[in-house]
Protein backbone atom coordinates (compact mmCIF):
# COMPACT_ATOMS: atom_id res chain seq x y z
CA MET A 1 -0.11 -0.10 -0.13
CA THR A 2 1.38 3.32 -0.99
CA ARG A 3 1.71 6.37 1.71
CA LEU A 4 -1.12 8.11 -0.32
CA SER A 5 -3.15 4.80 0.22
CA ARG A 6 -2.47 4.88 3.84
CA THR A 7 -3.07 8.52 4.23
CA VAL A 8 -6.44 8.59 2.26
CA LEU A 9 -7.84 5.50 3.97
CA GLN A 10 -7.10 7.10 7.27
CA LEU A 11 -8.95 10.13 6.28
CA ALA A 12 -12.10 9.90 8.33
CA MET A 13 -12.32 11.94 5.59
CA THR A 14 -20.40 7.43 -13.04
CA ALA A 15 -21.55 8.33 -17.99
CA ALA A 16 -24.70 6.86 -19.32
CA VAL A 17 -27.21 9.09 -17.75
CA THR A 18 -31.14 8.13 -17.31
CA ALA A 19 -33.71 10.75 -16.05
CA THR A 20 -35.08 8.43 -13.62
CA MET A 21 -34.88 9.41 -10.07
CA VAL A 22 -36.94 8.03 -7.24
CA GLY A 23 -38.49 10.06 -4.66
CA CYS A 24 -39.71 8.94 -1.13
CA GLY A 25 -41.47 5.61 -1.72
CA ASP A 26 -42.53 4.66 -5.00
CA ASP A 27 -43.13 8.52 -6.27
CA GLU A 28 -40.90 9.69 -9.19
CA LEU A 29 -38.95 12.80 -8.69
CA THR A 30 -40.77 14.89 -10.98
CA ASP A 31 -42.94 17.35 -8.85
CA PRO A 32 -41.23 20.35 -8.15
CA ASN A 33 -43.94 21.84 -5.91
CA ILE A 34 -42.42 20.75 -2.47
CA ALA A 35 -42.86 22.80 0.29
CA GLY A 36 -39.38 21.43 1.65
CA GLY A 37 -37.88 18.39 3.05
CA ASP A 38 -35.93 15.40 2.00
CA ILE A 39 -36.47 13.41 -0.82
CA ARG A 40 -34.17 10.02 -1.28
CA GLY A 41 -33.35 9.51 -5.24
CA SER A 42 -31.04 7.76 -7.41
CA VAL A 43 -29.41 8.33 -10.91
CA ASN A 44 -27.61 6.15 -13.11
CA SER A 45 -24.08 6.97 -13.76
CA GLU A 46 -21.91 4.36 -15.40
CA GLY A 47 -24.37 1.82 -15.64
CA LEU A 48 -24.90 2.10 -11.63
CA ASP A 49 -27.71 3.33 -9.81
CA ARG A 50 -26.16 6.28 -7.50
CA THR A 51 -27.86 7.20 -4.32
CA PHE A 52 -28.44 10.58 -3.07
CA ILE A 53 -30.59 12.68 -0.47
CA LEU A 54 -31.80 16.03 -1.79
CA HIS A 55 -32.76 18.71 0.84
CA ILE A 56 -35.19 21.15 -0.46
CA PRO A 57 -35.74 24.39 1.50
CA PRO A 58 -39.19 25.34 2.87
CA GLY A 59 -40.80 27.56 0.62
CA ASN A 60 -39.13 26.83 -2.40
CA ASP A 61 -40.46 28.34 -5.63
CA PRO A 62 -40.46 25.99 -8.42
CA ASP A 63 -40.23 28.97 -10.81
CA ALA A 64 -37.24 30.72 -9.11
CA PRO A 65 -33.99 28.55 -9.83
CA SER A 66 -31.80 27.68 -6.74
CA PRO A 67 -28.38 27.52 -5.77
CA LEU A 68 -27.05 24.09 -5.25
CA ILE A 69 -24.72 22.58 -2.76
CA ILE A 70 -23.40 19.41 -3.40
CA VAL A 71 -21.72 17.45 -0.17
CA PHE A 72 -19.68 14.80 0.06
CA HIS A 73 -19.10 12.90 3.10
CA GLY A 74 -15.83 11.55 4.97
CA ASN A 75 -14.50 7.91 4.09
CA THR A 76 -16.83 5.18 5.26
CA MET A 77 -19.51 7.48 5.96
CA THR A 78 -23.03 8.14 4.07
CA GLY A 79 -24.64 10.86 2.62
CA ALA A 80 -27.40 10.85 5.44
CA GLY A 81 -24.68 10.44 7.76
CA MET A 82 -22.91 13.93 6.45
CA GLN A 83 -26.40 15.21 6.37
CA ASP A 84 -26.41 14.62 10.19
CA LEU A 85 -22.71 15.89 11.06
CA THR A 86 -23.05 19.13 9.09
CA GLU A 87 -26.73 20.37 9.76
CA PHE A 88 -26.43 22.57 6.70
CA ARG A 89 -30.18 23.11 6.54
CA ARG A 90 -29.65 25.24 9.67
CA PHE A 91 -28.10 27.96 7.52
CA THR A 92 -28.88 27.15 3.94
CA ASP A 93 -32.84 27.11 4.18
CA GLU A 94 -33.34 30.85 4.73
CA HIS A 95 -31.15 31.55 1.58
CA GLY A 96 -33.00 29.00 -0.47
CA PHE A 97 -30.17 26.47 -1.35
CA MET A 98 -31.10 23.10 -2.33
CA VAL A 99 -28.32 20.59 -1.04
CA ILE A 100 -27.46 17.01 -2.54
CA TYR A 101 -25.83 14.44 -0.22
CA PRO A 102 -24.66 11.35 -2.68
CA ASP A 103 -23.28 8.26 -1.39
CA GLY A 104 -19.61 7.17 -2.49
CA ILE A 105 -19.21 3.61 -3.50
CA ASP A 106 -18.45 1.44 -0.53
CA GLY A 107 -18.31 4.90 1.50
CA GLY A 108 -15.57 6.32 -0.57
CA TRP A 109 -14.61 8.49 -3.50
CA SER A 110 -12.63 8.34 -6.97
CA ILE A 111 -9.33 11.00 -6.03
CA GLY A 112 -7.14 9.18 -8.43
CA CYS A 113 -5.27 6.85 -6.33
CA ASP A 114 -5.23 2.85 -5.61
CA CYS A 115 -6.94 3.46 -2.08
CA THR A 116 -10.77 3.70 -2.66
CA THR A 117 -13.13 1.00 -4.28
CA ALA A 118 -14.25 3.52 -6.87
CA ASP A 119 -10.72 3.77 -8.06
CA HIS A 120 -10.08 0.17 -8.27
CA LEU A 121 -13.14 -0.23 -10.33
CA GLY A 122 -12.49 2.75 -12.60
CA ILE A 123 -15.67 4.61 -11.73
CA SER A 124 -15.68 8.26 -12.33
CA ASP A 125 -17.51 10.23 -9.32
CA VAL A 126 -17.14 13.27 -11.19
CA LYS A 127 -19.45 11.79 -13.88
CA LEU A 128 -21.88 11.42 -11.04
CA ILE A 129 -21.92 15.01 -10.43
CA GLU A 130 -22.45 15.71 -14.23
CA ALA A 131 -25.18 13.09 -13.98
CA LEU A 132 -26.93 14.81 -10.97
CA LEU A 133 -26.55 18.32 -12.91
CA ALA A 134 -27.95 16.77 -16.10
CA ASN A 135 -30.86 15.37 -14.31
CA VAL A 136 -31.98 17.15 -10.96
CA PRO A 137 -32.84 20.48 -13.12
CA SER A 138 -35.19 18.18 -15.04
CA SER A 139 -37.53 18.26 -11.81
CA PHE A 140 -36.21 21.42 -9.73
CA ALA A 141 -35.26 24.77 -11.19
CA ILE A 142 -31.68 24.73 -10.50
CA ASP A 143 -29.24 27.84 -10.97
CA LEU A 144 -26.40 26.29 -12.79
CA ASP A 145 -24.38 29.32 -12.40
CA ARG A 146 -24.45 28.68 -8.44
CA VAL A 147 -23.21 25.13 -7.83
CA TYR A 148 -21.17 24.96 -4.78
CA MET A 149 -19.28 21.81 -3.31
CA ALA A 150 -18.05 20.94 -0.09
CA GLY A 151 -16.58 18.04 1.83
CA PHE A 152 -14.99 16.73 4.96
CA SER A 153 -11.72 14.47 4.71
CA LEU A 154 -11.79 12.47 1.75
CA GLY A 155 -14.72 14.07 0.68
CA GLY A 156 -12.92 17.17 1.12
CA THR A 157 -10.22 15.85 -1.04
CA PHE A 158 -12.63 14.87 -3.78
CA ALA A 159 -14.21 18.23 -3.82
CA GLN A 160 -11.09 19.65 -5.05
CA VAL A 161 -10.57 17.03 -7.58
CA ALA A 162 -13.82 17.76 -8.90
CA GLY A 163 -13.53 21.44 -8.66
CA CYS A 164 -10.64 21.29 -10.73
CA GLU A 165 -12.05 18.57 -13.22
CA LEU A 166 -15.30 20.50 -13.78
CA GLY A 167 -13.62 23.82 -14.06
CA GLY A 168 -16.16 27.06 -14.50
CA ARG A 169 -19.15 24.69 -13.95
CA ILE A 170 -18.15 24.98 -9.93
CA ALA A 171 -18.74 28.38 -8.38
CA ALA A 172 -16.72 27.60 -5.51
CA VAL A 173 -15.47 25.01 -3.25
CA ALA A 174 -14.91 24.04 0.56
CA SER A 175 -13.02 21.49 2.13
CA VAL A 176 -12.95 20.63 5.77
CA GLY A 177 -10.05 18.16 7.25
CA SER A 178 -8.18 17.98 3.58
CA SER A 179 -5.36 20.35 2.69
CA LEU A 180 -4.54 20.40 -1.30
CA PRO A 181 -3.54 17.03 -3.03
CA THR A 182 0.11 17.96 -4.17
CA ARG A 183 -0.96 16.25 -7.58
CA LEU A 184 -3.00 19.11 -8.02
CA GLN A 185 -0.79 21.83 -7.96
CA ASP A 186 0.36 20.86 -11.57
CA ASP A 187 -2.77 18.75 -12.55
CA CYS A 188 -5.51 21.19 -11.60
CA GLN A 189 -5.92 22.66 -15.34
CA LEU A 190 -8.64 25.40 -14.30
CA GLN A 191 -8.89 28.29 -16.85
CA ALA A 192 -10.28 30.71 -14.25
CA PRO A 193 -9.56 31.73 -10.44
CA LEU A 194 -11.71 29.57 -8.19
CA PRO A 195 -13.12 30.81 -4.89
CA ILE A 196 -11.98 28.24 -2.28
CA LEU A 197 -11.89 27.78 1.63
CA TYR A 198 -10.32 25.26 3.78
CA MET A 199 -10.76 24.72 7.52
CA LEU A 200 -7.95 22.79 9.37
CA GLY A 201 -7.14 21.66 12.82
CA THR A 202 -3.61 22.36 14.17
CA GLU A 203 -3.90 19.13 16.10
CA ASP A 204 -5.36 16.76 13.18
CA PRO A 205 -3.96 13.24 14.04
CA LEU A 206 -4.14 12.20 10.23
CA LEU A 207 -3.04 15.52 8.49
CA PRO A 208 -0.40 17.42 10.15
CA TYR A 209 -1.37 20.99 9.69
CA SER A 210 2.22 22.64 9.53
CA ASP A 211 4.05 19.68 7.77
CA GLY A 212 1.32 17.88 5.37
CA THR A 213 2.24 14.55 4.07
CA ALA A 214 4.19 13.26 1.04
CA ASN A 215 0.59 13.69 -0.88
CA PHE A 216 -0.83 16.43 0.85
CA LEU A 217 0.55 20.11 1.08
CA SER A 218 0.41 21.70 4.59
CA ALA A 219 -2.19 24.19 5.46
CA PRO A 220 0.01 27.18 4.79
CA ALA A 221 1.36 25.88 1.71
CA THR A 222 -2.08 24.99 0.49
CA LEU A 223 -3.42 28.88 1.19
CA ALA A 224 -0.32 29.95 -0.39
CA HIS A 225 -0.86 27.91 -3.49
CA TRP A 226 -4.59 29.15 -3.93
CA ALA A 227 -3.67 32.80 -3.22
CA SER A 228 -0.97 32.89 -6.26
CA PHE A 229 -3.25 30.93 -8.58
CA ASN A 230 -6.37 33.18 -7.92
CA GLY A 231 -4.19 36.10 -8.51
CA CYS A 232 -4.67 37.47 -5.29
CA GLN A 233 -2.64 40.74 -4.32
CA GLY A 234 -1.61 42.05 -1.01
CA ASP A 235 -1.31 40.42 2.55
CA PRO A 236 -4.68 38.66 3.74
CA GLU A 237 -6.99 39.91 6.27
CA GLU A 238 -6.28 37.85 9.54
CA VAL A 239 -9.01 37.70 12.02
CA THR A 240 -9.22 35.71 15.34
CA GLU A 241 -12.73 34.63 16.20
CA PRO A 242 -14.34 35.19 19.61
CA ASP A 243 -13.47 32.37 21.96
CA LEU A 244 -17.28 31.45 22.62
CA ASP A 245 -16.44 28.08 24.44
CA PRO A 246 -13.34 28.29 26.61
CA ASP A 247 -13.64 25.00 27.46
CA ASP A 248 -13.11 23.42 24.51
CA LEU A 249 -9.67 24.35 24.54
CA THR A 250 -9.80 25.72 20.76
CA ARG A 251 -9.31 29.24 19.04
CA VAL A 252 -10.37 29.71 15.46
CA ARG A 253 -8.62 32.25 13.27
CA PHE A 254 -8.95 32.81 9.75
CA GLU A 255 -6.58 34.47 6.78
CA ARG A 256 -8.45 35.43 3.60
CA PHE A 257 -7.13 37.04 0.41
CA SER A 258 -10.08 38.64 -0.89
CA ASP A 259 -8.59 41.08 -3.67
CA CYS A 260 -8.17 38.19 -6.33
CA ALA A 261 -8.50 37.86 -10.01
CA GLY A 262 -12.27 37.76 -10.92
CA GLY A 263 -13.84 38.30 -7.73
CA SER A 264 -12.35 34.89 -6.24
CA GLU A 265 -10.80 34.53 -2.96
CA ALA A 266 -8.67 32.28 -0.86
CA THR A 267 -9.54 31.70 2.72
CA LEU A 268 -7.88 29.44 5.37
CA TYR A 269 -9.65 28.86 8.76
CA THR A 270 -7.18 27.42 11.24
CA VAL A 271 -8.51 25.71 14.31
CA GLU A 272 -5.73 26.28 16.78
CA GLY A 273 -6.11 22.83 19.04
CA GLY A 274 -8.61 21.43 16.70
CA GLY A 275 -8.61 17.89 15.77
CA HIS A 276 -9.80 15.83 12.49
CA THR A 277 -13.30 17.11 12.82
CA TRP A 278 -16.21 19.21 11.73
CA PRO A 279 -16.40 22.22 14.13
CA LYS A 280 -19.65 22.01 16.16
CA GLY A 281 -20.54 18.51 14.57
CA GLN A 282 -20.83 15.40 16.17
CA ARG A 283 -17.72 13.11 15.88
CA PRO A 284 -18.28 11.24 12.41
CA LEU A 285 -18.48 7.25 13.30
CA GLY A 286 -17.80 8.03 16.96
CA LEU A 287 -14.11 8.39 16.42
CA ASP A 288 -12.06 10.24 18.52
CA LEU A 289 -10.12 12.13 16.04
CA GLY A 290 -9.06 15.16 18.20
CA VAL A 291 -11.13 18.13 19.71
CA VAL A 292 -14.49 19.65 18.16
CA SER A 293 -14.12 23.28 18.19
CA GLN A 294 -17.51 25.13 19.73
CA ASP A 295 -16.43 28.56 18.72
CA VAL A 296 -17.42 28.35 15.12
CA TRP A 297 -19.80 26.34 13.14
CA ALA A 298 -18.01 24.97 9.91
CA SER A 299 -21.71 24.58 8.20
CA GLU A 300 -22.40 28.50 9.06
CA VAL A 301 -18.72 29.75 7.59
CA ILE A 302 -19.15 27.76 4.27
CA THR A 303 -22.71 28.67 3.75
CA GLU A 304 -21.57 32.60 4.22
CA PHE A 305 -18.69 32.05 1.88
CA PHE A 306 -20.74 30.39 -0.96
CA LEU A 307 -23.00 33.78 -0.30
CA ARG A 308 -20.20 35.87 -1.26
CA HIS A 309 -19.86 33.87 -4.59
């Protein structure tokens, strides 16, 4: 097993498309007039029925295109587990976001390594995203200029991979618990700046904050890469968030480059004392991967970031 395999497997962190999506029970996902709630659906990608949860905000207007967030779970998790972990609806409903939580193959995503089932089988999860974007708008009005991606751990790695491969179709990307994979330094062939946000803990036991690994850049190097790629000018804004819960022994600060080409940005949230966790979320799979900060809610930070772009 390669070092990349070991790192990614630790991280608690497909294109013939059909238009059939199954909603709750035996109802087909064809009626956009839904007042809000969750629909369990599936879409065919590369001959596989890929499942997902689609969250629709209350008061959804079928005639007004909605922004869309696609959220990728960590390794061995599910879309439902990621929905429970993040509770995005607390912050996205009021802004009219639809949110999709897809399920990976055997709990993982294709990131271009030999360490996930999808990669072993030659399955492209980027094609899954393309299938979702081709089919969901046939039932619900989606603003395809406002499609965002977020992920945790392995899902955060995949969000970056997909953001690079899908180019201008993705408005912004947020990654929690995963810095930039080293191969994307050269392999990311974006033709335009990409607004991007990272949230990483200094005491992450799986991904060293200051040193990175052979296959993942350190947090500071990740920020520097995107500041350069996005053509950012000057020094970043630096802010330390209020210590709302002194008992959690964390402090959160962020560095934000906002004077960037095309109105983009590059932002790093550093959770001092934080682990491989989703701030204010529960521990995924019940694993103890370090401290969960209570000073900020990652889902709120990410929603506000997407609203800026």
